[in-house]
């Protein structure tokens, strides 16, 4: 069955403008253009659009989606299975978080005594689950299962005091990066060295034996992976690049 752009837009619940944009960037092209100049989409394009929208629902960027679905070795069934696993992991994460909130509500009502460890255990598990869902595959491919599993165990095993320090360090890094970028500081200068040092301290909470090589490799992901870049640049553009440059220059000097 074939669809006009308007019919496919209605079928998929997106706008015709979105489909035209996908065509412009080469993400989803029509199977043909009619003699009257209208875009026509066939079953292959319908299936591809479904795949694209699944990835969008999982917060992949359009660039990432394009690289995945147009890769020579792309397999639709494999992609669907991977998406299913991501969604199951997200479902389990939300279930655990909901259970923690329900327990906290019971604690506030006086129906249950929640100790301080319990109050933050779910949050630590949530952080691990989110990182695993978003970056686990890439990290495991680059550093191996053992390294990632160890980092996850270290996160879950943190005392509340250590977890508070870990969170505070991350906030300090983000603030220092924003200030450095706005001030036009040199990542090879003292500000860059200080931020690289803070970042190494932060990493050692989950990777105690973080080497200069590992430090540099992790920082490189911040500009290579758009999800990391978006995280660090969410308030001030250029923070991910500054951190990557600072770590690359200073990692073996810390």
C-alpha atoms as a PDB file:
ATOM      1  CA  UNK A   1       0.000   0.000   0.000  1.00  0.00           C
ATOM      2  CA  UNK A   2       1.205   3.496  -0.796  1.00  0.00           C
ATOM      3  CA  UNK A   3       0.554   6.727   1.062  1.00  0.00           C
ATOM      4  CA  UNK A   4       0.710  10.394   0.256  1.00  0.00           C
ATOM      5  CA  UNK A   5       2.636  12.550   2.703  1.00  0.00           C
ATOM      6  CA  UNK A   6      -0.613  13.729   4.290  1.00  0.00           C
ATOM      7  CA  UNK A   7      -1.951  10.177   4.639  1.00  0.00           C
ATOM      8  CA  UNK A   8       1.291   8.900   6.167  1.00  0.00           C
ATOM      9  CA  UNK A   9       1.387  11.833   8.552  1.00  0.00           C
ATOM     10  CA  UNK A  10      -2.130  11.011   9.770  1.00  0.00           C
ATOM     11  CA  UNK A  11      -1.282   7.325  10.055  1.00  0.00           C
ATOM     12  CA  UNK A  12       1.869   7.923  12.103  1.00  0.00           C
ATOM     13  CA  UNK A  13       0.576  10.815  14.191  1.00  0.00           C
ATOM     14  CA  UNK A  14       3.220  13.252  12.988  1.00  0.00           C
ATOM     15  CA  UNK A  15       2.991  16.375  10.884  1.00  0.00           C
ATOM     16  CA  UNK A  16       3.571  16.517   7.146  1.00  0.00           C
ATOM     17  CA  UNK A  17       6.137  19.197   7.935  1.00  0.00           C
ATOM     18  CA  UNK A  18       8.086  16.635   9.990  1.00  0.00           C
ATOM     19  CA  UNK A  19       8.062  14.179   7.086  1.00  0.00           C
ATOM     20  CA  UNK A  20       9.251  16.869   4.694  1.00  0.00           C
ATOM     21  CA  UNK A  21      12.091  17.670   7.094  1.00  0.00           C
ATOM     22  CA  UNK A  22      13.032  13.997   7.354  1.00  0.00           C
ATOM     23  CA  UNK A  23      13.198  13.933   3.563  1.00  0.00           C
ATOM     24  CA  UNK A  24      15.365  17.057   3.455  1.00  0.00           C
ATOM     25  CA  UNK A  25      17.947  15.626   5.855  1.00  0.00           C
ATOM     26  CA  UNK A  26      17.936  12.216   4.173  1.00  0.00           C
ATOM     27  CA  UNK A  27      16.442  10.380   7.136  1.00  0.00           C
ATOM     28  CA  UNK A  28      13.240   9.219   5.430  1.00  0.00           C
ATOM     29  CA  UNK A  29      12.862   9.704   1.689  1.00  0.00           C
ATOM     30  CA  UNK A  30       9.716   8.803  -0.263  1.00  0.00           C
ATOM     31  CA  UNK A  31       9.872   5.760  -2.510  1.00  0.00           C
ATOM     32  CA  UNK A  32       8.951   7.991  -5.428  1.00  0.00           C
ATOM     33  CA  UNK A  33       7.589  11.374  -6.419  1.00  0.00           C
ATOM     34  CA  UNK A  34       4.428  11.491  -8.512  1.00  0.00           C
ATOM     35  CA  UNK A  35       4.204  13.299 -11.843  1.00  0.00           C
ATOM     36  CA  UNK A  36       2.382  16.042  -9.978  1.00  0.00           C
ATOM     37  CA  UNK A  37       5.332  16.417  -7.607  1.00  0.00           C
ATOM     38  CA  UNK A  38       3.801  14.704  -4.568  1.00  0.00           C
ATOM     39  CA  UNK A  39       5.857  12.488  -2.262  1.00  0.00           C
ATOM     40  CA  UNK A  40       4.678   8.868  -2.213  1.00  0.00           C
ATOM     41  CA  UNK A  41       5.632   6.412   0.545  1.00  0.00           C
ATOM     42  CA  UNK A  42       5.534   2.605   0.376  1.00  0.00           C
ATOM     43  CA  UNK A  43       5.704  -0.206   2.939  1.00  0.00           C
ATOM     44  CA  UNK A  44       9.473   0.082   3.325  1.00  0.00           C
ATOM     45  CA  UNK A  45       9.140   3.732   4.255  1.00  0.00           C
ATOM     46  CA  UNK A  46       6.250   2.993   6.645  1.00  0.00           C
ATOM     47  CA  UNK A  47       8.387   0.428   8.476  1.00  0.00           C
ATOM     48  CA  UNK A  48      11.354   2.787   8.556  1.00  0.00           C
ATOM     49  CA  UNK A  49       9.230   5.618   9.939  1.00  0.00           C
ATOM     50  CA  UNK A  50       7.975   3.329  12.706  1.00  0.00           C
ATOM     51  CA  UNK A  51      11.594   2.528  13.563  1.00  0.00           C
ATOM     52  CA  UNK A  52      12.548   6.208  13.563  1.00  0.00           C
ATOM     53  CA  UNK A  53       9.663   7.075  15.889  1.00  0.00           C
ATOM     54  CA  UNK A  54      10.626   4.259  18.265  1.00  0.00           C
ATOM     55  CA  UNK A  55      14.124   5.730  18.486  1.00  0.00           C
ATOM     56  CA  UNK A  56      12.704   9.235  18.977  1.00  0.00           C
ATOM     57  CA  UNK A  57      10.601   7.911  21.859  1.00  0.00           C
ATOM     58  CA  UNK A  58      13.852   6.635  23.379  1.00  0.00           C
ATOM     59  CA  UNK A  59      15.359  10.156  23.118  1.00  0.00           C
ATOM     60  CA  UNK A  60      17.826   9.424  20.324  1.00  0.00           C
ATOM     61  CA  UNK A  61      18.825  12.457  18.266  1.00  0.00           C
ATOM     62  CA  UNK A  62      18.005  12.538  14.550  1.00  0.00           C
ATOM     63  CA  UNK A  63      21.707  12.296  13.712  1.00  0.00           C
ATOM     64  CA  UNK A  64      22.041   9.165  15.851  1.00  0.00           C
ATOM     65  CA  UNK A  65      18.941   7.636  14.295  1.00  0.00           C
ATOM     66  CA  UNK A  66      20.221   8.337  10.810  1.00  0.00           C
ATOM     67  CA  UNK A  67      23.529   6.625  11.530  1.00  0.00           C
ATOM     68  CA  UNK A  68      21.714   3.585  12.932  1.00  0.00           C
ATOM     69  CA  UNK A  69      18.947   3.011  10.393  1.00  0.00           C
ATOM     70  CA  UNK A  70      21.093   3.756   7.340  1.00  0.00           C
ATOM     71  CA  UNK A  71      24.084   1.678   8.442  1.00  0.00           C
ATOM     72  CA  UNK A  72      24.902  -1.111   5.945  1.00  0.00           C
ATOM     73  CA  UNK A  73      24.458  -3.771   8.630  1.00  0.00           C
ATOM     74  CA  UNK A  74      21.188  -2.392  10.031  1.00  0.00           C
ATOM     75  CA  UNK A  75      18.742  -5.166  10.894  1.00  0.00           C
ATOM     76  CA  UNK A  76      15.159  -4.200  11.734  1.00  0.00           C
ATOM     77  CA  UNK A  77      14.503  -7.215  13.976  1.00  0.00           C
ATOM     78  CA  UNK A  78      17.733  -6.710  15.924  1.00  0.00           C
ATOM     79  CA  UNK A  79      16.870  -3.035  16.352  1.00  0.00           C
ATOM     80  CA  UNK A  80      13.396  -3.849  17.642  1.00  0.00           C
ATOM     81  CA  UNK A  81      14.807  -6.354  20.131  1.00  0.00           C
ATOM     82  CA  UNK A  82      17.325  -3.783  21.377  1.00  0.00           C
ATOM     83  CA  UNK A  83      14.580  -1.173  21.715  1.00  0.00           C
ATOM     84  CA  UNK A  84      12.449  -3.657  23.643  1.00  0.00           C
ATOM     85  CA  UNK A  85      15.305  -4.231  26.115  1.00  0.00           C
ATOM     86  CA  UNK A  86      15.783  -0.500  26.593  1.00  0.00           C
ATOM     87  CA  UNK A  87      12.091  -0.047  27.293  1.00  0.00           C
ATOM     88  CA  UNK A  88      12.023  -2.973  29.702  1.00  0.00           C
ATOM     89  CA  UNK A  89      14.995  -1.478  31.553  1.00  0.00           C
ATOM     90  CA  UNK A  90      13.228   1.889  31.669  1.00  0.00           C
ATOM     91  CA  UNK A  91      10.030   0.221  32.875  1.00  0.00           C
ATOM     92  CA  UNK A  92      11.924  -1.539  35.667  1.00  0.00           C
ATOM     93  CA  UNK A  93      13.675   1.712  36.610  1.00  0.00           C
ATOM     94  CA  UNK A  94      10.403   3.603  36.868  1.00  0.00           C
ATOM     95  CA  UNK A  95       8.826   0.774  38.859  1.00  0.00           C
ATOM     96  CA  UNK A  96      11.665   0.878  41.402  1.00  0.00           C
ATOM     97  CA  UNK A  97      11.420   4.657  41.631  1.00  0.00           C
ATOM     98  CA  UNK A  98       7.650   4.521  42.091  1.00  0.00           C
ATOM     99  CA  UNK A  99       8.046   1.925  44.845  1.00  0.00           C
ATOM    100  CA  UNK A 100      10.545   4.179  46.621  1.00  0.00           C
ATOM    101  CA  UNK A 101       8.160   7.130  46.402  1.00  0.00           C
ATOM    102  CA  UNK A 102       5.285   5.012  47.722  1.00  0.00           C
ATOM    103  CA  UNK A 103       7.451   3.880  50.641  1.00  0.00           C
ATOM    104  CA  UNK A 104       8.449   7.478  51.350  1.00  0.00           C
ATOM    105  CA  UNK A 105       4.780   8.508  51.372  1.00  0.00           C
ATOM    106  CA  UNK A 106       4.040   5.738  53.879  1.00  0.00           C
ATOM    107  CA  UNK A 107       6.971   6.976  55.973  1.00  0.00           C
ATOM    108  CA  UNK A 108       5.630  10.533  55.929  1.00  0.00           C
ATOM    109  CA  UNK A 109       2.197   9.268  57.004  1.00  0.00           C
ATOM    110  CA  UNK A 110       3.738   7.370  59.904  1.00  0.00           C
ATOM    111  CA  UNK A 111       2.761   3.987  58.471  1.00  0.00           C
ATOM    112  CA  UNK A 112       6.348   2.818  57.975  1.00  0.00           C
ATOM    113  CA  UNK A 113       9.772   3.768  59.331  1.00  0.00           C
ATOM    114  CA  UNK A 114      12.186   4.463  56.483  1.00  0.00           C
ATOM    115  CA  UNK A 115      15.839   4.664  57.536  1.00  0.00           C
ATOM    116  CA  UNK A 116      18.257   7.096  55.918  1.00  0.00           C
ATOM    117  CA  UNK A 117      19.917   4.387  53.834  1.00  0.00           C
ATOM    118  CA  UNK A 118      16.598   3.410  52.271  1.00  0.00           C
ATOM    119  CA  UNK A 119      15.819   7.035  51.422  1.00  0.00           C
ATOM    120  CA  UNK A 120      18.718   7.229  48.995  1.00  0.00           C
ATOM    121  CA  UNK A 121      19.146   3.617  47.889  1.00  0.00           C
ATOM    122  CA  UNK A 122      16.474   3.960  45.211  1.00  0.00           C
ATOM    123  CA  UNK A 123      18.053   7.152  43.893  1.00  0.00           C
ATOM    124  CA  UNK A 124      21.441   5.483  43.546  1.00  0.00           C
ATOM    125  CA  UNK A 125      19.874   2.522  41.781  1.00  0.00           C
ATOM    126  CA  UNK A 126      17.999   4.928  39.534  1.00  0.00           C
ATOM    127  CA  UNK A 127      21.257   6.698  38.594  1.00  0.00           C
ATOM    128  CA  UNK A 128      22.871   3.361  37.742  1.00  0.00           C
ATOM    129  CA  UNK A 129      19.852   2.254  35.709  1.00  0.00           C
ATOM    130  CA  UNK A 130      19.695   5.516  33.757  1.00  0.00           C
ATOM    131  CA  UNK A 131      23.404   5.410  32.944  1.00  0.00           C
ATOM    132  CA  UNK A 132      23.194   1.762  31.949  1.00  0.00           C
ATOM    133  CA  UNK A 133      20.219   2.373  29.667  1.00  0.00           C
ATOM    134  CA  UNK A 134      21.735   5.436  28.030  1.00  0.00           C
ATOM    135  CA  UNK A 135      25.438   4.594  27.816  1.00  0.00           C
ATOM    136  CA  UNK A 136      25.867   1.013  29.000  1.00  0.00           C
ATOM    137  CA  UNK A 137      26.283  -0.588  25.583  1.00  0.00           C
ATOM    138  CA  UNK A 138      28.970   1.880  24.490  1.00  0.00           C
ATOM    139  CA  UNK A 139      30.804   1.708  27.822  1.00  0.00           C
ATOM    140  CA  UNK A 140      30.799  -2.086  27.861  1.00  0.00           C
ATOM    141  CA  UNK A 141      32.101  -2.226  24.301  1.00  0.00           C
ATOM    142  CA  UNK A 142      34.884   0.246  25.085  1.00  0.00           C
ATOM    143  CA  UNK A 143      35.914  -0.842  28.613  1.00  0.00           C
ATOM    144  CA  UNK A 144      34.436  -4.325  29.028  1.00  0.00           C
ATOM    145  CA  UNK A 145      31.686  -5.766  31.216  1.00  0.00           C
ATOM    146  CA  UNK A 146      33.924  -6.155  34.274  1.00  0.00           C
ATOM    147  CA  UNK A 147      34.835  -2.456  34.406  1.00  0.00           C
ATOM    148  CA  UNK A 148      31.228  -1.291  33.995  1.00  0.00           C
ATOM    149  CA  UNK A 149      29.902  -3.815  36.528  1.00  0.00           C
ATOM    150  CA  UNK A 150      32.550  -2.678  39.027  1.00  0.00           C
ATOM    151  CA  UNK A 151      31.604   0.972  38.526  1.00  0.00           C
ATOM    152  CA  UNK A 152      27.938   0.124  39.071  1.00  0.00           C
ATOM    153  CA  UNK A 153      28.733  -1.813  42.258  1.00  0.00           C
ATOM    154  CA  UNK A 154      30.834   1.078  43.532  1.00  0.00           C
ATOM    155  CA  UNK A 155      27.952   3.472  42.935  1.00  0.00           C
ATOM    156  CA  UNK A 156      25.469   1.235  44.752  1.00  0.00           C
ATOM    157  CA  UNK A 157      27.913   0.623  47.601  1.00  0.00           C
ATOM    158  CA  UNK A 158      28.540   4.289  48.366  1.00  0.00           C
ATOM    159  CA  UNK A 159      27.799   5.489  51.860  1.00  0.00           C
ATOM    160  CA  UNK A 160      25.433   8.411  52.071  1.00  0.00           C
ATOM    161  CA  UNK A 161      28.331  10.728  52.883  1.00  0.00           C
ATOM    162  CA  UNK A 162      30.303   9.557  49.852  1.00  0.00           C
ATOM    163  CA  UNK A 163      27.229   9.794  47.608  1.00  0.00           C
ATOM    164  CA  UNK A 164      26.623  13.363  48.772  1.00  0.00           C
ATOM    165  CA  UNK A 165      30.247  14.209  47.932  1.00  0.00           C
ATOM    166  CA  UNK A 166      29.858  12.564  44.526  1.00  0.00           C
ATOM    167  CA  UNK A 167      26.766  14.655  43.760  1.00  0.00           C
ATOM    168  CA  UNK A 168      28.393  17.838  45.059  1.00  0.00           C
ATOM    169  CA  UNK A 169      31.469  17.287  42.896  1.00  0.00           C
ATOM    170  CA  UNK A 170      29.335  16.889  39.796  1.00  0.00           C
ATOM    171  CA  UNK A 171      27.511  20.128  40.534  1.00  0.00           C
ATOM    172  CA  UNK A 172      30.851  21.862  41.181  1.00  0.00           C
ATOM    173  CA  UNK A 173      32.231  20.635  37.852  1.00  0.00           C
ATOM    174  CA  UNK A 174      29.181  21.865  35.926  1.00  0.00           C
ATOM    175  CA  UNK A 175      29.324  25.269  37.605  1.00  0.00           C
ATOM    176  CA  UNK A 176      33.076  25.618  37.033  1.00  0.00           C
ATOM    177  CA  UNK A 177      32.711  24.652  33.375  1.00  0.00           C
ATOM    178  CA  UNK A 178      29.989  27.209  32.759  1.00  0.00           C
ATOM    179  CA  UNK A 179      32.039  29.945  34.409  1.00  0.00           C
ATOM    180  CA  UNK A 180      35.181  28.993  32.474  1.00  0.00           C
ATOM    181  CA  UNK A 181      33.434  28.969  29.105  1.00  0.00           C
ATOM    182  CA  UNK A 182      31.675  32.259  29.749  1.00  0.00           C
ATOM    183  CA  UNK A 183      34.949  33.847  30.847  1.00  0.00           C
ATOM    184  CA  UNK A 184      36.771  32.523  27.778  1.00  0.00           C
ATOM    185  CA  UNK A 185      39.320  30.634  29.873  1.00  0.00           C
ATOM    186  CA  UNK A 186      41.921  28.387  28.269  1.00  0.00           C
ATOM    187  CA  UNK A 187      41.368  24.659  28.988  1.00  0.00           C
ATOM    188  CA  UNK A 188      45.164  24.309  28.926  1.00  0.00           C
ATOM    189  CA  UNK A 189      45.484  26.882  31.717  1.00  0.00           C
ATOM    190  CA  UNK A 190      45.107  26.627  35.462  1.00  0.00           C
ATOM    191  CA  UNK A 191      41.318  26.693  35.316  1.00  0.00           C
ATOM    192  CA  UNK A 192      41.396  23.747  32.947  1.00  0.00           C
ATOM    193  CA  UNK A 193      43.775  21.886  35.249  1.00  0.00           C
ATOM    194  CA  UNK A 194      41.516  22.491  38.257  1.00  0.00           C
ATOM    195  CA  UNK A 195      38.415  21.272  36.394  1.00  0.00           C
ATOM    196  CA  UNK A 196      40.229  18.196  35.070  1.00  0.00           C
ATOM    197  CA  UNK A 197      41.317  17.449  38.633  1.00  0.00           C
ATOM    198  CA  UNK A 198      37.759  17.773  39.932  1.00  0.00           C
ATOM    199  CA  UNK A 199      36.573  15.495  37.164  1.00  0.00           C
ATOM    200  CA  UNK A 200      39.176  12.844  38.041  1.00  0.00           C
ATOM    201  CA  UNK A 201      38.105  13.007  41.716  1.00  0.00           C
ATOM    202  CA  UNK A 202      34.487  12.585  40.645  1.00  0.00           C
ATOM    203  CA  UNK A 203      35.290   9.560  38.472  1.00  0.00           C
ATOM    204  CA  UNK A 204      37.288   7.817  41.195  1.00  0.00           C
ATOM    205  CA  UNK A 205      34.105   7.502  43.265  1.00  0.00           C
ATOM    206  CA  UNK A 206      32.958   4.810  40.828  1.00  0.00           C
ATOM    207  CA  UNK A 207      36.289   3.997  39.120  1.00  0.00           C
ATOM    208  CA  UNK A 208      38.889   4.018  41.944  1.00  0.00           C
ATOM    209  CA  UNK A 209      41.747   2.999  39.621  1.00  0.00           C
ATOM    210  CA  UNK A 210      40.905   5.538  36.911  1.00  0.00           C
ATOM    211  CA  UNK A 211      44.074   5.929  34.826  1.00  0.00           C
ATOM    212  CA  UNK A 212      45.016   8.935  32.706  1.00  0.00           C
ATOM    213  CA  UNK A 213      44.217   6.905  29.586  1.00  0.00           C
ATOM    214  CA  UNK A 214      40.791   5.939  30.884  1.00  0.00           C
ATOM    215  CA  UNK A 215      40.147   9.512  32.015  1.00  0.00           C
ATOM    216  CA  UNK A 216      40.979  10.820  28.543  1.00  0.00           C
ATOM    217  CA  UNK A 217      38.823   8.168  26.866  1.00  0.00           C
ATOM    218  CA  UNK A 218      35.801   9.007  28.991  1.00  0.00           C
ATOM    219  CA  UNK A 219      36.206  12.738  28.371  1.00  0.00           C
ATOM    220  CA  UNK A 220      36.438  12.113  24.628  1.00  0.00           C
ATOM    221  CA  UNK A 221      32.917  10.675  24.740  1.00  0.00           C
ATOM    222  CA  UNK A 222      31.614  14.056  25.853  1.00  0.00           C
ATOM    223  CA  UNK A 223      32.138  15.504  22.385  1.00  0.00           C
ATOM    224  CA  UNK A 224      31.828  12.277  20.385  1.00  0.00           C
ATOM    225  CA  UNK A 225      28.414  11.351  21.789  1.00  0.00           C
ATOM    226  CA  UNK A 226      25.665  13.935  21.335  1.00  0.00           C
ATOM    227  CA  UNK A 227      23.870  12.778  24.476  1.00  0.00           C
ATOM    228  CA  UNK A 228      26.883  13.646  26.637  1.00  0.00           C
ATOM    229  CA  UNK A 229      27.374  16.924  24.775  1.00  0.00           C
ATOM    230  CA  UNK A 230      23.740  17.867  25.333  1.00  0.00           C
ATOM    231  CA  UNK A 231      24.072  17.096  29.046  1.00  0.00           C
ATOM    232  CA  UNK A 232      27.135  19.275  29.594  1.00  0.00           C
ATOM    233  CA  UNK A 233      26.012  22.020  27.201  1.00  0.00           C
ATOM    234  CA  UNK A 234      22.415  22.208  28.397  1.00  0.00           C
ATOM    235  CA  UNK A 235      22.900  25.648  29.948  1.00  0.00           C
ATOM    236  CA  UNK A 236      26.145  26.905  28.415  1.00  0.00           C
ATOM    237  CA  UNK A 237      27.310  25.757  24.990  1.00  0.00           C
ATOM    238  CA  UNK A 238      30.956  24.715  24.813  1.00  0.00           C
ATOM    239  CA  UNK A 239      31.242  23.059  28.232  1.00  0.00           C
ATOM    240  CA  UNK A 240      31.639  19.539  26.844  1.00  0.00           C
ATOM    241  CA  UNK A 241      34.417  20.671  24.506  1.00  0.00           C
ATOM    242  CA  UNK A 242      36.173  22.580  27.294  1.00  0.00           C
ATOM    243  CA  UNK A 243      36.087  19.546  29.581  1.00  0.00           C
ATOM    244  CA  UNK A 244      37.319  17.227  26.831  1.00  0.00           C
ATOM    245  CA  UNK A 245      40.171  19.607  25.943  1.00  0.00           C
ATOM    246  CA  UNK A 246      41.132  20.154  29.580  1.00  0.00           C
ATOM    247  CA  UNK A 247      41.215  16.454  30.408  1.00  0.00           C
ATOM    248  CA  UNK A 248      43.096  15.576  27.217  1.00  0.00           C
ATOM    249  CA  UNK A 249      45.791  18.138  28.080  1.00  0.00           C
ATOM    250  CA  UNK A 250      46.008  17.589  31.848  1.00  0.00           C
ATOM    251  CA  UNK A 251      45.100  13.913  32.428  1.00  0.00           C
ATOM    252  CA  UNK A 252      48.671  12.594  32.545  1.00  0.00           C
ATOM    253  CA  UNK A 253      49.843  15.566  34.606  1.00  0.00           C
ATOM    254  CA  UNK A 254      47.406  15.205  37.506  1.00  0.00           C
END
